[in-house]
Amino acid sequence: MMMVGQAKVQLLKEKKRVRGGREEAAYWVLRWRGSGGKWVREPLGRANGPERITKSRAEDCRHDKQRQLNQGLCPVDPLKPITLAEWVTLDCELQRKVKRPSTVRENEIAGLQAKRALGGGEDEESAKRGGAVKLKAITTVHVEHIRAWMLDRGVSQATVAKTLRHLRGMFNRAVKHGHLIRNPFSGVDMPKVQGRAKRVFTDEELSAMREACPDVWWEAFVMLGATSGLRFSEMLNTL
């Protein structure tokens, strides 16, 4: 097993003939020795063309990868390909240790929406089809499809934006755990949501709610909501 602090990452520039033409496409690739001594490769992207990655940027990626390997922040050996459903389940299990139950539930709902969208329907079979998609195969095209799929079904712009934010965070964590090289949600424009004025209860309404409370506990709960500034989901976590 390779020890932490011994990994040395190389930056390579490889050329491949473009199919159906004479032009050669150049690609940046990182490589390092795995625990068994075999080369592990990680493609970065094009080194030429309109969407090319500059050598300076590729070097930054190399330094960052070497730092992550030497500090034990990512695995030395390549991880087994994982499906969308597998990552949603694993990510939610990991998040339960550090996040509120309501946040984890919102992540689960966002993952279910993504699986249904990629599966082409709202039934269980569609969710299974979408969940079987390999995480590495998901691109910005799939992200746009997820957004359009929800909007076509009458989901509000606010809910779509919230779902995409949860998915972006979920995929960011997949990058940190080494399952992805980049997040397909990065750079995708989120639906614009117009702010809505918050309704504030009047003193008379607050007094009426306190009088309707069956005991001291519920009266304290009402006053906590009225004076603390906690969100509705945060209030639910106190129950």
Protein backbone atom coordinates (compact mmCIF):
# COMPACT_ATOMS: atom_id res chain seq x y z
CA MET A 1 0.00 0.00 0.00
CA MET A 2 1.37 3.42 -0.94
CA MET A 3 1.92 5.56 2.16
CA VAL A 4 0.59 9.08 2.54
CA GLY A 5 3.18 11.60 1.35
CA GLN A 6 4.78 9.41 -1.34
CA ALA A 7 2.48 9.97 -4.31
CA LYS A 8 3.99 11.82 -7.26
CA VAL A 9 1.55 13.00 -9.91
CA GLN A 10 2.67 13.51 -13.51
CA LEU A 11 1.02 15.74 -16.12
CA LEU A 12 0.93 14.30 -19.64
CA LYS A 13 -0.21 15.73 -22.95
CA GLU A 14 -1.57 13.05 -25.25
CA LYS A 15 -2.71 13.35 -28.84
CA LYS A 16 -5.48 11.40 -30.53
CA ARG A 17 -6.67 11.46 -34.12
CA VAL A 18 -10.17 12.95 -34.41
CA ARG A 19 -12.53 10.47 -36.06
CA GLY A 20 -13.30 11.29 -39.66
CA GLY A 21 -10.61 13.95 -40.02
CA ARG A 22 -6.91 14.68 -40.04
CA GLU A 23 -6.90 16.94 -37.01
CA GLU A 24 -5.25 15.67 -33.85
CA ALA A 25 -6.96 16.36 -30.54
CA ALA A 26 -4.66 16.92 -27.56
CA TYR A 27 -5.66 16.01 -24.01
CA TRP A 28 -4.23 16.68 -20.55
CA VAL A 29 -3.95 13.56 -18.40
CA LEU A 30 -2.77 13.08 -14.82
CA ARG A 31 -1.16 9.84 -13.77
CA TRP A 32 0.39 8.38 -10.62
CA ARG A 33 1.32 4.99 -9.24
CA GLY A 34 -1.42 3.11 -7.44
CA SER A 35 -0.90 0.96 -4.35
CA GLY A 36 -0.05 -2.06 -6.55
CA GLY A 37 2.48 -0.14 -8.63
CA LYS A 38 0.23 0.21 -11.68
CA TRP A 39 -0.39 3.57 -13.30
CA VAL A 40 -3.65 5.30 -12.40
CA ARG A 41 -4.87 7.80 -15.00
CA GLU A 42 -7.25 10.74 -14.66
CA PRO A 43 -8.17 12.79 -17.77
CA LEU A 44 -8.52 16.55 -17.31
CA GLY A 45 -9.82 17.67 -20.71
CA ARG A 46 -8.78 19.11 -24.06
CA ALA A 47 -5.39 20.80 -24.44
CA ASN A 48 -6.40 22.43 -27.73
CA GLY A 49 -9.59 23.71 -29.32
CA PRO A 50 -12.06 26.37 -28.17
CA GLU A 51 -12.74 24.69 -24.79
CA ARG A 52 -9.11 23.89 -24.04
CA ILE A 53 -7.56 23.83 -20.59
CA THR A 54 -4.38 25.93 -20.39
CA LYS A 55 -1.12 24.36 -19.27
CA SER A 56 -1.10 26.64 -16.24
CA ARG A 57 -4.55 25.41 -15.23
CA ALA A 58 -3.53 21.79 -15.85
CA GLU A 59 -0.47 22.30 -13.60
CA ASP A 60 -2.71 23.70 -10.89
CA CYS A 61 -4.82 20.55 -11.16
CA ARG A 62 -1.70 18.40 -10.89
CA HIS A 63 -0.53 20.21 -7.74
CA ASP A 64 -4.00 19.97 -6.24
CA LYS A 65 -4.26 16.24 -6.98
CA GLN A 66 -0.82 15.57 -5.52
CA ARG A 67 -1.75 17.50 -2.36
CA GLN A 68 -4.99 15.53 -2.00
CA LEU A 69 -3.20 12.21 -2.46
CA ASN A 70 -0.40 13.04 -0.04
CA GLN A 71 -2.81 14.28 2.61
CA GLY A 72 -5.08 11.27 2.24
CA LEU A 73 -7.98 13.41 0.98
CA CYS A 74 -8.67 11.16 -2.02
CA PRO A 75 -7.93 7.48 -2.74
CA VAL A 76 -4.66 6.47 -4.44
CA ASP A 77 -6.40 3.67 -6.32
CA PRO A 78 -9.34 4.31 -8.68
CA LEU A 79 -12.76 3.82 -7.12
CA LYS A 80 -15.28 1.36 -8.49
CA PRO A 81 -17.77 3.12 -10.80
CA ILE A 82 -20.88 4.04 -8.86
CA THR A 83 -24.45 4.66 -10.03
CA LEU A 84 -26.59 7.69 -9.26
CA ALA A 85 -28.81 5.65 -6.93
CA GLU A 86 -25.82 4.24 -5.07
CA TRP A 87 -24.31 7.69 -4.56
CA VAL A 88 -27.60 9.25 -3.39
CA THR A 89 -27.91 6.48 -0.77
CA LEU A 90 -24.27 6.71 0.32
CA ASP A 91 -24.23 10.51 0.42
CA CYS A 92 -27.37 10.66 2.55
CA GLU A 93 -25.88 8.12 4.97
CA LEU A 94 -22.75 10.27 5.30
CA GLN A 95 -24.76 13.49 5.66
CA ARG A 96 -26.88 12.04 8.49
CA LYS A 97 -23.78 12.22 10.69
CA VAL A 98 -23.31 15.98 10.21
CA LYS A 99 -26.57 17.48 8.90
CA ARG A 100 -30.07 18.02 10.27
CA PRO A 101 -32.67 15.33 9.44
CA SER A 102 -34.68 17.86 7.41
CA THR A 103 -31.65 18.65 5.23
CA VAL A 104 -30.96 14.96 4.61
CA ARG A 105 -34.61 14.46 3.67
CA GLU A 106 -34.40 17.33 1.17
CA ASN A 107 -31.30 15.69 -0.35
CA GLU A 108 -33.19 12.40 -0.66
CA ILE A 109 -36.09 14.16 -2.42
CA ALA A 110 -33.68 15.94 -4.79
CA GLY A 111 -32.00 12.62 -5.61
CA LEU A 112 -35.39 11.02 -6.30
CA GLN A 113 -36.31 13.86 -8.66
CA ALA A 114 -33.04 13.38 -10.55
CA LYS A 115 -33.61 9.62 -10.86
CA ARG A 116 -37.17 10.11 -12.10
CA ALA A 117 -36.10 12.74 -14.61
CA LEU A 118 -33.31 10.59 -16.04
CA GLY A 119 -35.63 7.56 -16.05
CA GLY A 120 -38.32 9.44 -17.98
CA GLY A 121 -41.26 9.10 -15.61
CA GLU A 122 -42.63 9.45 -12.09
CA ASP A 123 -43.19 5.77 -11.30
CA GLU A 124 -40.85 3.45 -9.41
CA GLU A 125 -39.57 1.73 -12.56
CA SER A 126 -38.53 5.09 -14.03
CA ALA A 127 -36.67 5.95 -10.82
CA LYS A 128 -34.85 2.61 -11.03
CA ARG A 129 -33.83 3.28 -14.66
CA GLY A 130 -32.59 6.76 -13.81
CA GLY A 131 -30.82 5.53 -10.70
CA ALA A 132 -28.90 2.96 -12.76
CA VAL A 133 -27.13 5.72 -14.72
CA LYS A 134 -23.42 5.80 -13.92
CA LEU A 135 -22.45 8.87 -11.94
CA LYS A 136 -19.50 9.57 -14.27
CA ALA A 137 -21.82 9.52 -17.29
CA ILE A 138 -23.92 12.45 -16.06
CA THR A 139 -23.14 15.68 -17.92
CA THR A 140 -24.48 19.23 -18.09
CA VAL A 141 -26.91 17.96 -20.75
CA HIS A 142 -28.46 15.67 -18.11
CA VAL A 143 -28.60 18.58 -15.67
CA GLU A 144 -30.52 20.69 -18.18
CA HIS A 145 -32.84 17.73 -18.78
CA ILE A 146 -33.54 17.41 -15.03
CA ARG A 147 -34.40 21.10 -14.82
CA ALA A 148 -36.65 21.00 -17.93
CA TRP A 149 -38.34 17.79 -16.74
CA MET A 150 -39.39 19.40 -13.45
CA LEU A 151 -40.54 22.65 -15.07
CA ASP A 152 -42.61 20.73 -17.63
CA ARG A 153 -44.48 19.08 -14.75
CA GLY A 154 -45.44 22.36 -13.18
CA VAL A 155 -42.84 22.40 -10.42
CA SER A 156 -42.28 25.99 -9.26
CA GLN A 157 -39.10 27.87 -10.13
CA ALA A 158 -38.26 28.10 -6.42
CA THR A 159 -38.54 24.33 -5.92
CA VAL A 160 -36.52 23.62 -9.08
CA ALA A 161 -33.77 25.99 -7.92
CA LYS A 162 -33.74 24.38 -4.46
CA THR A 163 -33.58 20.87 -5.95
CA LEU A 164 -30.68 21.80 -8.24
CA ARG A 165 -28.79 23.39 -5.32
CA HIS A 166 -29.12 20.17 -3.32
CA LEU A 167 -27.97 18.11 -6.30
CA ARG A 168 -25.01 20.43 -6.89
CA GLY A 169 -23.92 19.97 -3.29
CA MET A 170 -24.37 16.21 -3.60
CA PHE A 171 -22.18 16.12 -6.71
CA ASN A 172 -19.58 18.41 -5.09
CA ARG A 173 -19.20 15.80 -2.37
CA ALA A 174 -18.87 13.10 -5.04
CA VAL A 175 -15.92 15.06 -6.45
CA LYS A 176 -14.32 15.32 -3.00
CA HIS A 177 -14.72 11.56 -2.48
CA GLY A 178 -13.05 10.83 -5.83
CA HIS A 179 -16.09 9.48 -7.68
CA LEU A 180 -16.06 12.38 -10.16
CA ILE A 181 -13.42 14.64 -11.70
CA ARG A 182 -15.76 17.64 -12.03
CA ASN A 183 -19.27 18.53 -11.05
CA PRO A 184 -21.69 18.65 -14.03
CA PHE A 185 -23.84 21.11 -12.06
CA SER A 186 -21.00 23.66 -11.88
CA GLY A 187 -21.58 26.59 -14.21
CA VAL A 188 -25.23 25.68 -14.83
CA ASP A 189 -27.49 28.69 -14.36
CA MET A 190 -30.05 28.21 -11.63
CA PRO A 191 -33.66 29.29 -12.26
CA LYS A 192 -34.21 32.88 -11.15
CA VAL A 193 -36.58 33.15 -8.22
CA GLN A 194 -38.26 36.40 -7.29
CA GLY A 195 -38.28 37.05 -3.57
CA ARG A 196 -41.63 36.90 -1.84
CA ALA A 197 -42.59 39.12 1.06
CA LYS A 198 -42.81 37.28 4.37
CA ARG A 199 -46.06 37.51 6.30
CA VAL A 200 -45.59 38.53 9.94
CA PHE A 201 -48.19 37.62 12.56
CA THR A 202 -49.77 40.55 14.36
CA ASP A 203 -49.70 40.88 18.15
CA GLU A 204 -53.38 39.94 18.25
CA GLU A 205 -52.75 36.75 16.22
CA LEU A 206 -49.81 35.81 18.43
CA SER A 207 -51.91 36.32 21.57
CA ALA A 208 -54.68 34.16 20.09
CA MET A 209 -52.21 31.35 19.36
CA ARG A 210 -50.82 31.48 22.89
CA GLU A 211 -54.32 31.31 24.37
CA ALA A 212 -55.11 28.29 22.19
CA CYS A 213 -52.04 26.34 23.43
CA PRO A 214 -53.06 23.31 25.55
CA ASP A 215 -50.08 23.57 27.90
CA VAL A 216 -46.92 25.53 28.75
CA TRP A 217 -44.74 23.48 26.36
CA TRP A 218 -46.76 24.51 23.30
CA GLU A 219 -46.87 28.13 24.47
CA ALA A 220 -43.06 28.08 24.74
CA PHE A 221 -42.89 26.55 21.25
CA VAL A 222 -45.05 29.33 19.79
CA MET A 223 -42.95 32.01 21.49
CA LEU A 224 -39.74 30.36 20.27
CA GLY A 225 -41.00 30.63 16.70
CA ALA A 226 -42.13 34.22 17.21
CA THR A 227 -38.91 35.53 18.76
CA SER A 228 -35.96 33.35 17.64
CA GLY A 229 -35.94 33.84 13.86
CA LEU A 230 -35.65 30.07 13.28
CA ARG A 231 -36.76 28.64 9.93
CA PHE A 232 -39.82 26.38 9.77
CA SER A 233 -37.60 23.32 9.15
CA GLU A 234 -35.41 24.28 12.12
CA MET A 235 -38.48 24.58 14.32
CA LEU A 236 -39.56 21.07 13.27
CA ASN A 237 -36.17 19.71 14.36
CA THR A 238 -36.94 20.82 17.93
CA LEU A 239 -40.00 18.56 18.13
